[in-house]
Amino acid sequence: MSGTVQQAGAKLEEVKQKVEAAAPAGTAEKLSGVALYSRFAFAGAVCCSLTHGGLTPVDVVKTRIQLDPVTYNRGLIGGFRQVIAKEGAGALLTGAGPTFAGYFLQGAFKFGGYEFFKQQSISLLGYETAANNRTAVYLASAGCAEFFADIALCPLEATRIRLVSDPTFANGLVSGMSKIFKQEGLGAFYSGFGPILFKQCVA
């Protein structure tokens, strides 16, 4: 596995050097700093919000099966039919707001943060040392980025879970977060931080 990662990293660096060498001098200024990180952050935010948000109906059915396996015992397709018959088709989008918003933030911190921490590692270790230990640099950068990404994600994920598990809890993202904060305090938003961090970092 580590050999594959190292080979992929080496090939990527080789392609990057060839592209830079082939580009005419003065045609474009090389992006760096905030300009570079913001592009990665925006790309990650859009991709993560769309992929996770688009699967909201699947997540609703999955949560129903987990919470009430006696009632929802007909599998994924049967679960869709049961939710629609019992609550209407709109119920399949329960928690869509927190999902899109949460993974928009998570994707931004994850992808933008990865590039940031990778560059900081290269600056700290030096290019040659970082290149010789690229797998460790990649893993450490990804882990640090995911840690901060999950800090941003956790409050919205807590709200999403509450809305999906109890559709009568609130009408949406803002009202759900406000109700949790008033009833349980700020700590309630991070009660599941450990499991989320472990799941995301391993994934």
N, C-alpha and C. Protein backbone atom coordinates (compact mmCIF):
# COMPACT_ATOMS: atom_id res chain seq x y z
N MET A 1 0.83 -1.21 0.00
CA MET A 1 0.00 0.00 0.00
C MET A 1 0.86 1.26 0.00
N SER A 2 1.87 1.30 0.92
CA SER A 2 2.72 2.47 1.00
C SER A 2 3.54 2.64 -0.26
N GLY A 3 3.96 1.49 -0.89
CA GLY A 3 4.71 1.56 -2.12
C GLY A 3 3.88 2.17 -3.24
N THR A 4 2.59 1.81 -3.28
CA THR A 4 1.70 2.37 -4.29
C THR A 4 1.53 3.86 -4.12
N VAL A 5 1.38 4.30 -2.87
CA VAL A 5 1.24 5.72 -2.58
C VAL A 5 2.49 6.49 -2.99
N GLN A 6 3.66 5.91 -2.68
CA GLN A 6 4.92 6.57 -3.02
C GLN A 6 5.09 6.68 -4.53
N GLN A 7 4.72 5.61 -5.25
CA GLN A 7 4.83 5.63 -6.71
C GLN A 7 3.90 6.67 -7.30
N ALA A 8 2.66 6.73 -6.77
CA ALA A 8 1.70 7.71 -7.27
C ALA A 8 2.19 9.13 -7.01
N GLY A 9 2.78 9.34 -5.81
CA GLY A 9 3.30 10.66 -5.47
C GLY A 9 4.46 11.05 -6.36
N ALA A 10 5.33 10.08 -6.66
CA ALA A 10 6.48 10.34 -7.52
C ALA A 10 6.05 10.67 -8.94
N LYS A 11 5.06 9.93 -9.44
CA LYS A 11 4.55 10.19 -10.79
C LYS A 11 3.88 11.55 -10.87
N LEU A 12 3.12 11.90 -9.82
CA LEU A 12 2.45 13.20 -9.79
C LEU A 12 3.47 14.33 -9.81
N GLU A 13 4.53 14.18 -9.04
CA GLU A 13 5.58 15.21 -8.99
C GLU A 13 6.30 15.30 -10.33
N GLU A 14 6.49 14.15 -10.98
CA GLU A 14 7.16 14.14 -12.28
C GLU A 14 6.33 14.86 -13.34
N VAL A 15 5.01 14.58 -13.34
CA VAL A 15 4.10 15.23 -14.28
C VAL A 15 4.06 16.73 -14.02
N LYS A 16 4.03 17.11 -12.74
CA LYS A 16 4.00 18.52 -12.37
C LYS A 16 5.23 19.26 -12.89
N GLN A 17 6.40 18.64 -12.74
CA GLN A 17 7.63 19.26 -13.20
C GLN A 17 7.66 19.40 -14.72
N LYS A 18 7.12 18.39 -15.43
CA LYS A 18 7.08 18.46 -16.89
C LYS A 18 6.16 19.57 -17.37
N VAL A 19 5.00 19.69 -16.72
CA VAL A 19 4.05 20.74 -17.09
C VAL A 19 4.64 22.11 -16.86
N GLU A 20 5.29 22.28 -15.70
CA GLU A 20 5.91 23.57 -15.39
C GLU A 20 7.03 23.90 -16.38
N ALA A 21 7.79 22.87 -16.78
CA ALA A 21 8.90 23.10 -17.71
C ALA A 21 8.39 23.43 -19.11
N ALA A 22 7.24 22.85 -19.47
CA ALA A 22 6.68 23.07 -20.81
C ALA A 22 5.96 24.40 -20.95
N ALA A 23 5.54 24.99 -19.82
CA ALA A 23 4.80 26.25 -19.87
C ALA A 23 5.71 27.39 -20.27
N PRO A 24 5.29 28.25 -21.19
CA PRO A 24 6.10 29.41 -21.60
C PRO A 24 6.35 30.33 -20.42
N ALA A 25 7.52 30.91 -20.36
CA ALA A 25 7.87 31.79 -19.25
C ALA A 25 6.97 33.01 -19.24
N GLY A 26 6.48 33.33 -18.06
CA GLY A 26 5.69 34.54 -17.87
C GLY A 26 4.24 34.43 -18.32
N THR A 27 3.77 33.20 -18.69
CA THR A 27 2.39 33.08 -19.16
C THR A 27 1.40 33.16 -18.01
N ALA A 28 1.80 32.67 -16.87
CA ALA A 28 0.86 32.68 -15.73
C ALA A 28 1.66 32.67 -14.44
N GLU A 29 1.11 33.34 -13.45
CA GLU A 29 1.77 33.37 -12.14
C GLU A 29 1.38 32.13 -11.35
N LYS A 30 2.35 31.50 -10.74
CA LYS A 30 2.09 30.29 -9.98
C LYS A 30 1.31 30.62 -8.72
N LEU A 31 0.23 29.88 -8.52
CA LEU A 31 -0.60 30.12 -7.34
C LEU A 31 0.09 29.59 -6.09
N SER A 32 -0.10 30.31 -4.99
CA SER A 32 0.45 29.87 -3.71
C SER A 32 -0.35 30.50 -2.58
N GLY A 33 -0.12 30.02 -1.38
CA GLY A 33 -0.79 30.61 -0.22
C GLY A 33 -2.30 30.49 -0.27
N VAL A 34 -2.97 31.54 0.16
CA VAL A 34 -4.43 31.53 0.26
C VAL A 34 -5.08 31.29 -1.10
N ALA A 35 -4.52 31.87 -2.16
CA ALA A 35 -5.09 31.70 -3.50
C ALA A 35 -5.12 30.24 -3.91
N LEU A 36 -4.08 29.49 -3.55
CA LEU A 36 -4.01 28.07 -3.89
C LEU A 36 -4.93 27.26 -2.98
N TYR A 37 -4.81 27.48 -1.66
CA TYR A 37 -5.59 26.69 -0.71
C TYR A 37 -7.09 26.90 -0.89
N SER A 38 -7.50 28.12 -1.24
CA SER A 38 -8.92 28.42 -1.40
C SER A 38 -9.51 27.65 -2.57
N ARG A 39 -8.71 27.42 -3.61
CA ARG A 39 -9.21 26.66 -4.76
C ARG A 39 -9.44 25.20 -4.39
N PHE A 40 -8.49 24.62 -3.68
CA PHE A 40 -8.68 23.25 -3.21
C PHE A 40 -9.87 23.17 -2.25
N ALA A 41 -9.99 24.17 -1.38
CA ALA A 41 -11.08 24.18 -0.41
C ALA A 41 -12.43 24.26 -1.10
N PHE A 42 -12.55 25.13 -2.09
CA PHE A 42 -13.83 25.27 -2.79
C PHE A 42 -14.19 24.00 -3.56
N ALA A 43 -13.20 23.41 -4.22
CA ALA A 43 -13.45 22.17 -4.96
C ALA A 43 -13.90 21.06 -4.01
N GLY A 44 -13.22 20.94 -2.87
CA GLY A 44 -13.60 19.93 -1.89
C GLY A 44 -14.97 20.18 -1.30
N ALA A 45 -15.28 21.45 -1.04
CA ALA A 45 -16.58 21.81 -0.47
C ALA A 45 -17.72 21.43 -1.40
N VAL A 46 -17.58 21.77 -2.66
CA VAL A 46 -18.63 21.47 -3.64
C VAL A 46 -18.80 19.96 -3.82
N CYS A 47 -17.69 19.26 -3.98
CA CYS A 47 -17.76 17.81 -4.22
C CYS A 47 -18.35 17.06 -3.02
N CYS A 48 -17.89 17.39 -1.81
CA CYS A 48 -18.37 16.68 -0.62
C CYS A 48 -19.84 16.99 -0.33
N SER A 49 -20.24 18.24 -0.51
CA SER A 49 -21.64 18.59 -0.24
C SER A 49 -22.57 17.90 -1.23
N LEU A 50 -22.17 17.81 -2.49
CA LEU A 50 -23.02 17.17 -3.50
C LEU A 50 -23.10 15.66 -3.31
N THR A 51 -21.96 15.02 -3.04
CA THR A 51 -21.97 13.57 -2.89
C THR A 51 -22.73 13.13 -1.65
N HIS A 52 -22.49 13.81 -0.53
CA HIS A 52 -23.18 13.43 0.72
C HIS A 52 -24.63 13.91 0.70
N GLY A 53 -24.85 15.13 0.24
CA GLY A 53 -26.21 15.65 0.20
C GLY A 53 -27.11 14.88 -0.74
N GLY A 54 -26.54 14.44 -1.86
CA GLY A 54 -27.33 13.68 -2.83
C GLY A 54 -27.77 12.33 -2.31
N LEU A 55 -27.08 11.82 -1.30
CA LEU A 55 -27.44 10.52 -0.71
C LEU A 55 -28.29 10.66 0.55
N THR A 56 -28.85 11.84 0.78
CA THR A 56 -29.70 12.06 1.96
C THR A 56 -30.84 11.04 2.05
N PRO A 57 -31.56 10.74 0.96
CA PRO A 57 -32.64 9.75 1.07
C PRO A 57 -32.17 8.39 1.56
N VAL A 58 -31.00 7.97 1.10
CA VAL A 58 -30.45 6.68 1.55
C VAL A 58 -30.15 6.74 3.04
N ASP A 59 -29.62 7.87 3.50
CA ASP A 59 -29.29 8.03 4.90
C ASP A 59 -30.55 8.02 5.77
N VAL A 60 -31.62 8.61 5.28
CA VAL A 60 -32.89 8.62 6.02
C VAL A 60 -33.38 7.20 6.22
N VAL A 61 -33.39 6.42 5.16
CA VAL A 61 -33.85 5.03 5.25
C VAL A 61 -32.94 4.22 6.16
N LYS A 62 -31.64 4.42 6.03
CA LYS A 62 -30.68 3.70 6.88
C LYS A 62 -30.93 3.99 8.35
N THR A 63 -31.16 5.26 8.67
CA THR A 63 -31.40 5.65 10.06
C THR A 63 -32.70 5.05 10.58
N ARG A 64 -33.73 5.04 9.75
CA ARG A 64 -35.01 4.44 10.17
C ARG A 64 -34.82 2.96 10.48
N ILE A 65 -34.06 2.26 9.62
CA ILE A 65 -33.82 0.83 9.84
C ILE A 65 -33.05 0.60 11.13
N GLN A 66 -32.07 1.46 11.41
CA GLN A 66 -31.27 1.32 12.63
C GLN A 66 -32.10 1.59 13.89
N LEU A 67 -32.97 2.59 13.82
CA LEU A 67 -33.75 2.98 15.00
C LEU A 67 -34.96 2.09 15.24
N ASP A 68 -35.55 1.57 14.16
CA ASP A 68 -36.76 0.76 14.30
C ASP A 68 -36.70 -0.43 13.34
N PRO A 69 -35.82 -1.40 13.63
CA PRO A 69 -35.66 -2.54 12.72
C PRO A 69 -36.88 -3.44 12.64
N VAL A 70 -37.74 -3.38 13.65
CA VAL A 70 -38.94 -4.21 13.63
C VAL A 70 -39.91 -3.72 12.55
N THR A 71 -40.07 -2.39 12.46
CA THR A 71 -40.98 -1.81 11.46
C THR A 71 -40.34 -1.78 10.08
N TYR A 72 -39.11 -1.27 10.05
CA TYR A 72 -38.42 -1.14 8.77
C TYR A 72 -37.52 -2.34 8.55
N ASN A 73 -38.13 -3.43 8.08
CA ASN A 73 -37.41 -4.71 7.96
C ASN A 73 -37.48 -5.27 6.54
N ARG A 74 -37.66 -4.40 5.55
CA ARG A 74 -37.82 -4.85 4.18
C ARG A 74 -36.65 -4.45 3.28
N GLY A 75 -35.53 -4.10 3.88
CA GLY A 75 -34.37 -3.72 3.09
C GLY A 75 -34.43 -2.28 2.60
N LEU A 76 -33.46 -1.90 1.76
CA LEU A 76 -33.34 -0.52 1.32
C LEU A 76 -34.54 -0.08 0.47
N ILE A 77 -34.85 -0.83 -0.58
CA ILE A 77 -35.96 -0.45 -1.46
C ILE A 77 -37.28 -0.48 -0.72
N GLY A 78 -37.47 -1.53 0.08
CA GLY A 78 -38.69 -1.61 0.88
C GLY A 78 -38.78 -0.48 1.88
N GLY A 79 -37.61 -0.07 2.41
CA GLY A 79 -37.57 1.04 3.35
C GLY A 79 -38.00 2.35 2.70
N PHE A 80 -37.55 2.58 1.46
CA PHE A 80 -37.99 3.75 0.71
C PHE A 80 -39.51 3.78 0.61
N ARG A 81 -40.07 2.66 0.24
CA ARG A 81 -41.53 2.59 0.06
C ARG A 81 -42.27 2.82 1.38
N GLN A 82 -41.71 2.27 2.45
CA GLN A 82 -42.35 2.45 3.76
C GLN A 82 -42.33 3.91 4.20
N VAL A 83 -41.18 4.56 4.05
CA VAL A 83 -41.07 5.97 4.45
C VAL A 83 -42.02 6.83 3.64
N ILE A 84 -42.08 6.60 2.32
CA ILE A 84 -42.97 7.38 1.46
C ILE A 84 -44.43 7.15 1.82
N ALA A 85 -44.79 5.90 2.06
CA ALA A 85 -46.18 5.58 2.40
C ALA A 85 -46.60 6.17 3.74
N LYS A 86 -45.65 6.19 4.68
CA LYS A 86 -45.98 6.63 6.04
C LYS A 86 -45.85 8.14 6.21
N GLU A 87 -44.84 8.76 5.60
CA GLU A 87 -44.55 10.18 5.85
C GLU A 87 -44.56 11.06 4.61
N GLY A 88 -44.67 10.45 3.43
CA GLY A 88 -44.62 11.21 2.20
C GLY A 88 -43.22 11.27 1.63
N ALA A 89 -43.12 11.58 0.33
CA ALA A 89 -41.82 11.59 -0.34
C ALA A 89 -40.87 12.64 0.23
N GLY A 90 -41.43 13.74 0.74
CA GLY A 90 -40.60 14.80 1.30
C GLY A 90 -39.79 14.36 2.49
N ALA A 91 -40.23 13.30 3.17
CA ALA A 91 -39.51 12.81 4.35
C ALA A 91 -38.14 12.27 3.98
N LEU A 92 -37.96 11.87 2.73
CA LEU A 92 -36.66 11.34 2.29
C LEU A 92 -35.59 12.43 2.25
N LEU A 93 -36.01 13.69 2.30
CA LEU A 93 -35.05 14.80 2.30
C LEU A 93 -34.85 15.38 3.70
N THR A 94 -35.35 14.70 4.71
CA THR A 94 -35.14 15.16 6.09
C THR A 94 -33.64 15.22 6.40
N GLY A 95 -33.20 16.35 6.89
CA GLY A 95 -31.78 16.51 7.23
C GLY A 95 -30.91 16.92 6.06
N ALA A 96 -31.53 17.25 4.91
CA ALA A 96 -30.73 17.63 3.73
C ALA A 96 -29.95 18.92 3.98
N GLY A 97 -30.57 19.87 4.67
CA GLY A 97 -29.89 21.14 4.96
C GLY A 97 -28.61 20.97 5.74
N PRO A 98 -28.67 20.31 6.91
CA PRO A 98 -27.44 20.08 7.67
C PRO A 98 -26.42 19.24 6.92
N THR A 99 -26.89 18.31 6.10
CA THR A 99 -25.97 17.46 5.35
C THR A 99 -25.19 18.27 4.32
N PHE A 100 -25.90 19.06 3.51
CA PHE A 100 -25.22 19.88 2.50
C PHE A 100 -24.28 20.89 3.17
N ALA A 101 -24.77 21.57 4.20
CA ALA A 101 -23.96 22.59 4.86
C ALA A 101 -22.77 21.98 5.59
N GLY A 102 -23.02 20.88 6.30
CA GLY A 102 -21.96 20.25 7.08
C GLY A 102 -20.83 19.72 6.22
N TYR A 103 -21.19 19.05 5.14
CA TYR A 103 -20.14 18.47 4.29
C TYR A 103 -19.53 19.50 3.34
N PHE A 104 -20.21 20.64 3.14
CA PHE A 104 -19.58 21.74 2.44
C PHE A 104 -18.40 22.26 3.26
N LEU A 105 -18.64 22.46 4.55
CA LEU A 105 -17.57 22.91 5.44
C LEU A 105 -16.49 21.84 5.60
N GLN A 106 -16.95 20.60 5.79
CA GLN A 106 -16.00 19.52 5.99
C GLN A 106 -15.09 19.34 4.77
N GLY A 107 -15.68 19.42 3.57
CA GLY A 107 -14.89 19.27 2.35
C GLY A 107 -13.89 20.40 2.18
N ALA A 108 -14.30 21.62 2.54
CA ALA A 108 -13.40 22.77 2.43
C ALA A 108 -12.20 22.61 3.35
N PHE A 109 -12.46 22.27 4.61
CA PHE A 109 -11.36 22.09 5.56
C PHE A 109 -10.50 20.88 5.21
N LYS A 110 -11.13 19.82 4.72
CA LYS A 110 -10.39 18.59 4.43
C LYS A 110 -9.42 18.79 3.27
N PHE A 111 -9.91 19.29 2.14
CA PHE A 111 -9.07 19.40 0.95
C PHE A 111 -8.15 20.63 1.02
N GLY A 112 -8.69 21.75 1.47
CA GLY A 112 -7.84 22.92 1.63
C GLY A 112 -6.82 22.71 2.72
N GLY A 113 -7.24 22.10 3.82
CA GLY A 113 -6.35 21.83 4.94
C GLY A 113 -5.25 20.84 4.60
N TYR A 114 -5.58 19.85 3.79
CA TYR A 114 -4.57 18.86 3.40
C TYR A 114 -3.42 19.53 2.64
N GLU A 115 -3.77 20.39 1.70
CA GLU A 115 -2.73 21.08 0.95
C GLU A 115 -1.93 22.02 1.84
N PHE A 116 -2.63 22.66 2.77
CA PHE A 116 -1.95 23.58 3.69
C PHE A 116 -0.94 22.83 4.57
N PHE A 117 -1.40 21.76 5.21
CA PHE A 117 -0.51 21.02 6.11
C PHE A 117 0.60 20.31 5.35
N LYS A 118 0.32 19.88 4.13
CA LYS A 118 1.37 19.26 3.32
C LYS A 118 2.47 20.26 3.02
N GLN A 119 2.08 21.48 2.65
CA GLN A 119 3.08 22.51 2.35
C GLN A 119 3.86 22.91 3.59
N GLN A 120 3.17 22.97 4.73
CA GLN A 120 3.85 23.29 5.98
C GLN A 120 4.86 22.21 6.35
N SER A 121 4.50 20.96 6.08
CA SER A 121 5.41 19.85 6.37
C SER A 121 6.66 19.94 5.50
N ILE A 122 6.45 20.27 4.21
CA ILE A 122 7.59 20.40 3.29
C ILE A 122 8.50 21.55 3.73
N SER A 123 7.89 22.65 4.15
CA SER A 123 8.68 23.80 4.61
C SER A 123 9.45 23.48 5.88
N LEU A 124 8.84 22.70 6.76
CA LEU A 124 9.46 22.36 8.03
C LEU A 124 10.58 21.33 7.85
N LEU A 125 10.33 20.31 7.04
CA LEU A 125 11.29 19.22 6.89
C LEU A 125 12.32 19.46 5.80
N GLY A 126 11.96 20.30 4.85
CA GLY A 126 12.80 20.45 3.68
C GLY A 126 12.31 19.54 2.57
N TYR A 127 12.47 19.96 1.31
CA TYR A 127 11.88 19.21 0.20
C TYR A 127 12.41 17.78 0.12
N GLU A 128 13.72 17.61 0.25
CA GLU A 128 14.31 16.29 0.09
C GLU A 128 13.84 15.32 1.18
N THR A 129 13.85 15.78 2.43
CA THR A 129 13.40 14.92 3.53
C THR A 129 11.93 14.58 3.39
N ALA A 130 11.12 15.58 3.02
CA ALA A 130 9.69 15.35 2.83
C ALA A 130 9.44 14.36 1.70
N ALA A 131 10.21 14.48 0.61
CA ALA A 131 10.05 13.56 -0.52
C ALA A 131 10.41 12.14 -0.14
N ASN A 132 11.45 11.98 0.69
CA ASN A 132 11.88 10.65 1.12
C ASN A 132 10.91 10.02 2.11
N ASN A 133 10.09 10.87 2.74
CA ASN A 133 9.11 10.38 3.72
C ASN A 133 7.70 10.83 3.32
N ARG A 134 7.44 10.77 2.02
CA ARG A 134 6.19 11.34 1.50
C ARG A 134 4.94 10.66 2.06
N THR A 135 5.02 9.35 2.28
CA THR A 135 3.83 8.67 2.81
C THR A 135 3.46 9.20 4.19
N ALA A 136 4.45 9.37 5.04
CA ALA A 136 4.19 9.92 6.37
C ALA A 136 3.67 11.35 6.28
N VAL A 137 4.23 12.12 5.36
CA VAL A 137 3.78 13.51 5.18
C VAL A 137 2.33 13.53 4.71
N TYR A 138 1.98 12.67 3.75
CA TYR A 138 0.62 12.61 3.24
C TYR A 138 -0.37 12.23 4.36
N LEU A 139 -0.02 11.19 5.11
CA LEU A 139 -0.91 10.70 6.17
C LEU A 139 -1.08 11.73 7.29
N ALA A 140 0.02 12.35 7.70
CA ALA A 140 -0.04 13.34 8.77
C ALA A 140 -0.84 14.57 8.33
N SER A 141 -0.63 14.99 7.09
CA SER A 141 -1.36 16.15 6.56
C SER A 141 -2.84 15.86 6.48
N ALA A 142 -3.19 14.68 6.00
CA ALA A 142 -4.60 14.29 5.89
C ALA A 142 -5.25 14.19 7.27
N GLY A 143 -4.52 13.62 8.22
CA GLY A 143 -5.06 13.49 9.57
C GLY A 143 -5.32 14.83 10.24
N CYS A 144 -4.37 15.75 10.10
CA CYS A 144 -4.55 17.09 10.68
C CYS A 144 -5.72 17.82 10.03
N ALA A 145 -5.81 17.71 8.70
CA ALA A 145 -6.91 18.37 7.99
C ALA A 145 -8.25 17.80 8.41
N GLU A 146 -8.32 16.48 8.54
CA GLU A 146 -9.58 15.84 8.92
C GLU A 146 -10.00 16.22 10.33
N PHE A 147 -9.05 16.40 11.22
CA PHE A 147 -9.37 16.80 12.60
C PHE A 147 -10.13 18.12 12.61
N PHE A 148 -9.62 19.12 11.91
CA PHE A 148 -10.28 20.42 11.88
C PHE A 148 -11.56 20.37 11.05
N ALA A 149 -11.58 19.53 10.01
CA ALA A 149 -12.79 19.37 9.21
C ALA A 149 -13.94 18.82 10.05
N ASP A 150 -13.61 17.88 10.94
CA ASP A 150 -14.65 17.27 11.77
C ASP A 150 -15.14 18.21 12.86
N ILE A 151 -14.29 19.13 13.29
CA ILE A 151 -14.74 20.15 14.23
C ILE A 151 -15.84 21.00 13.59
N ALA A 152 -15.66 21.31 12.30
CA ALA A 152 -16.67 22.08 11.58
C ALA A 152 -17.91 21.25 11.28
N LEU A 153 -17.72 19.97 11.01
CA LEU A 153 -18.83 19.09 10.63
C LEU A 153 -19.72 18.69 11.79
N CYS A 154 -19.13 18.44 12.95
CA CYS A 154 -19.83 17.79 14.06
C CYS A 154 -21.15 18.47 14.47
N PRO A 155 -21.21 19.79 14.65
CA PRO A 155 -22.49 20.40 15.04
C PRO A 155 -23.60 20.17 14.02
N LEU A 156 -23.26 20.22 12.76
CA LEU A 156 -24.26 20.01 11.72
C LEU A 156 -24.66 18.54 11.61
N GLU A 157 -23.71 17.66 11.83
CA GLU A 157 -24.01 16.23 11.82
C GLU A 157 -24.91 15.86 13.00
N ALA A 158 -24.67 16.48 14.16
CA ALA A 158 -25.52 16.24 15.33
C ALA A 158 -26.94 16.70 15.06
N THR A 159 -27.07 17.83 14.40
CA THR A 159 -28.39 18.35 14.05
C THR A 159 -29.07 17.44 13.04
N ARG A 160 -28.32 16.99 12.05
CA ARG A 160 -28.88 16.09 11.04
C ARG A 160 -29.42 14.82 11.65
N ILE A 161 -28.63 14.22 12.53
CA ILE A 161 -29.06 12.97 13.17
C ILE A 161 -30.32 13.18 13.98
N ARG A 162 -30.40 14.31 14.69
CA ARG A 162 -31.58 14.59 15.50
C ARG A 162 -32.82 14.77 14.62
N LEU A 163 -32.67 15.46 13.50
CA LEU A 163 -33.81 15.68 12.60
C LEU A 163 -34.28 14.39 11.95
N VAL A 164 -33.32 13.55 11.56
CA VAL A 164 -33.69 12.29 10.89
C VAL A 164 -34.31 11.30 11.87
N SER A 165 -33.76 11.23 13.07
CA SER A 165 -34.28 10.28 14.06
C SER A 165 -35.60 10.72 14.65
N ASP A 166 -35.85 12.05 14.68
CA ASP A 166 -37.11 12.57 15.22
C ASP A 166 -37.58 13.71 14.32
N PRO A 167 -38.34 13.39 13.27
CA PRO A 167 -38.77 14.40 12.30
C PRO A 167 -39.59 15.54 12.91
N THR A 168 -40.15 15.33 14.09
CA THR A 168 -40.95 16.38 14.73
C THR A 168 -40.11 17.30 15.61
N PHE A 169 -38.81 17.04 15.68
CA PHE A 169 -37.94 17.80 16.58
C PHE A 169 -37.86 19.26 16.18
N ALA A 170 -37.69 19.53 14.88
CA ALA A 170 -37.58 20.91 14.40
C ALA A 170 -37.90 20.93 12.91
N ASN A 171 -38.03 22.14 12.37
CA ASN A 171 -38.40 22.28 10.97
C ASN A 171 -37.22 22.29 10.01
N GLY A 172 -36.02 22.50 10.51
CA GLY A 172 -34.87 22.57 9.62
C GLY A 172 -33.58 22.82 10.36
N LEU A 173 -32.57 23.22 9.61
CA LEU A 173 -31.21 23.39 10.14
C LEU A 173 -31.14 24.43 11.25
N VAL A 174 -31.61 25.64 10.97
CA VAL A 174 -31.47 26.74 11.94
C VAL A 174 -32.28 26.47 13.20
N SER A 175 -33.54 26.07 13.03
CA SER A 175 -34.38 25.81 14.20
C SER A 175 -33.88 24.60 14.98
N GLY A 176 -33.33 23.61 14.26
CA GLY A 176 -32.80 22.43 14.94
C GLY A 176 -31.58 22.76 15.78
N MET A 177 -30.65 23.53 15.22
CA MET A 177 -29.45 23.90 15.96
C MET A 177 -29.80 24.79 17.15
N SER A 178 -30.74 25.70 16.95
CA SER A 178 -31.15 26.59 18.04
C SER A 178 -31.77 25.80 19.19
N LYS A 179 -32.59 24.82 18.84
CA LYS A 179 -33.27 24.02 19.88
C LYS A 179 -32.28 23.17 20.66
N ILE A 180 -31.33 22.55 19.96
CA ILE A 180 -30.32 21.75 20.65
C ILE A 180 -29.49 22.62 21.58
N PHE A 181 -29.09 23.80 21.11
CA PHE A 181 -28.27 24.70 21.92
C PHE A 181 -29.03 25.16 23.18
N LYS A 182 -30.30 25.51 23.02
CA LYS A 182 -31.10 25.99 24.15
C LYS A 182 -31.37 24.89 25.16
N GLN A 183 -31.64 23.69 24.68
CA GLN A 183 -32.02 22.59 25.57
C GLN A 183 -30.83 21.86 26.18
N GLU A 184 -29.75 21.74 25.43
CA GLU A 184 -28.65 20.88 25.89
C GLU A 184 -27.29 21.57 25.96
N GLY A 185 -27.18 22.77 25.41
CA GLY A 185 -25.92 23.49 25.47
C GLY A 185 -24.97 23.15 24.33
N LEU A 186 -23.87 23.85 24.28
CA LEU A 186 -22.90 23.71 23.20
C LEU A 186 -22.29 22.32 23.13
N GLY A 187 -22.10 21.69 24.30
CA GLY A 187 -21.45 20.38 24.33
C GLY A 187 -22.21 19.31 23.57
N ALA A 188 -23.53 19.49 23.43
CA ALA A 188 -24.34 18.49 22.74
C ALA A 188 -23.94 18.35 21.27
N PHE A 189 -23.42 19.42 20.70
CA PHE A 189 -23.03 19.38 19.30
C PHE A 189 -21.79 18.51 19.08
N TYR A 190 -21.01 18.29 20.14
CA TYR A 190 -19.77 17.54 19.99
C TYR A 190 -19.79 16.22 20.78
N SER A 191 -20.97 15.76 21.14
CA SER A 191 -21.07 14.51 21.90
C SER A 191 -20.60 13.32 21.07
N GLY A 192 -20.71 13.41 19.75
CA GLY A 192 -20.29 12.32 18.88
C GLY A 192 -19.00 12.60 18.14
N PHE A 193 -18.20 13.54 18.64
CA PHE A 193 -16.99 13.93 17.93
C PHE A 193 -16.00 12.78 17.79
N GLY A 194 -15.82 12.00 18.84
CA GLY A 194 -14.88 10.88 18.82
C GLY A 194 -15.21 9.87 17.72
N PRO A 195 -16.44 9.34 17.70
CA PRO A 195 -16.79 8.38 16.65
C PRO A 195 -16.68 8.95 15.24
N ILE A 196 -17.10 10.22 15.07
CA ILE A 196 -17.01 10.83 13.74
C ILE A 196 -15.55 10.98 13.31
N LEU A 197 -14.70 11.41 14.24
CA LEU A 197 -13.28 11.57 13.93
C LEU A 197 -12.66 10.24 13.55
N PHE A 198 -12.98 9.21 14.31
CA PHE A 198 -12.43 7.89 14.03
C PHE A 198 -12.92 7.38 12.67
N LYS A 199 -14.20 7.55 12.39
CA LYS A 199 -14.76 7.09 11.13
C LYS A 199 -14.15 7.82 9.94
N GLN A 200 -14.05 9.14 10.03
CA GLN A 200 -13.56 9.93 8.91
C GLN A 200 -12.06 9.74 8.69
N CYS A 201 -11.30 9.65 9.76
CA CYS A 201 -9.85 9.50 9.62
C CYS A 201 -9.51 8.13 9.02
N VAL A 202 -10.19 7.12 9.46
CA VAL A 202 -9.94 5.77 8.93
C VAL A 202 -10.38 5.69 7.48
N ALA A 203 -11.53 6.33 7.19
CA ALA A 203 -12.05 6.31 5.82
C ALA A 203 -11.13 7.07 4.88
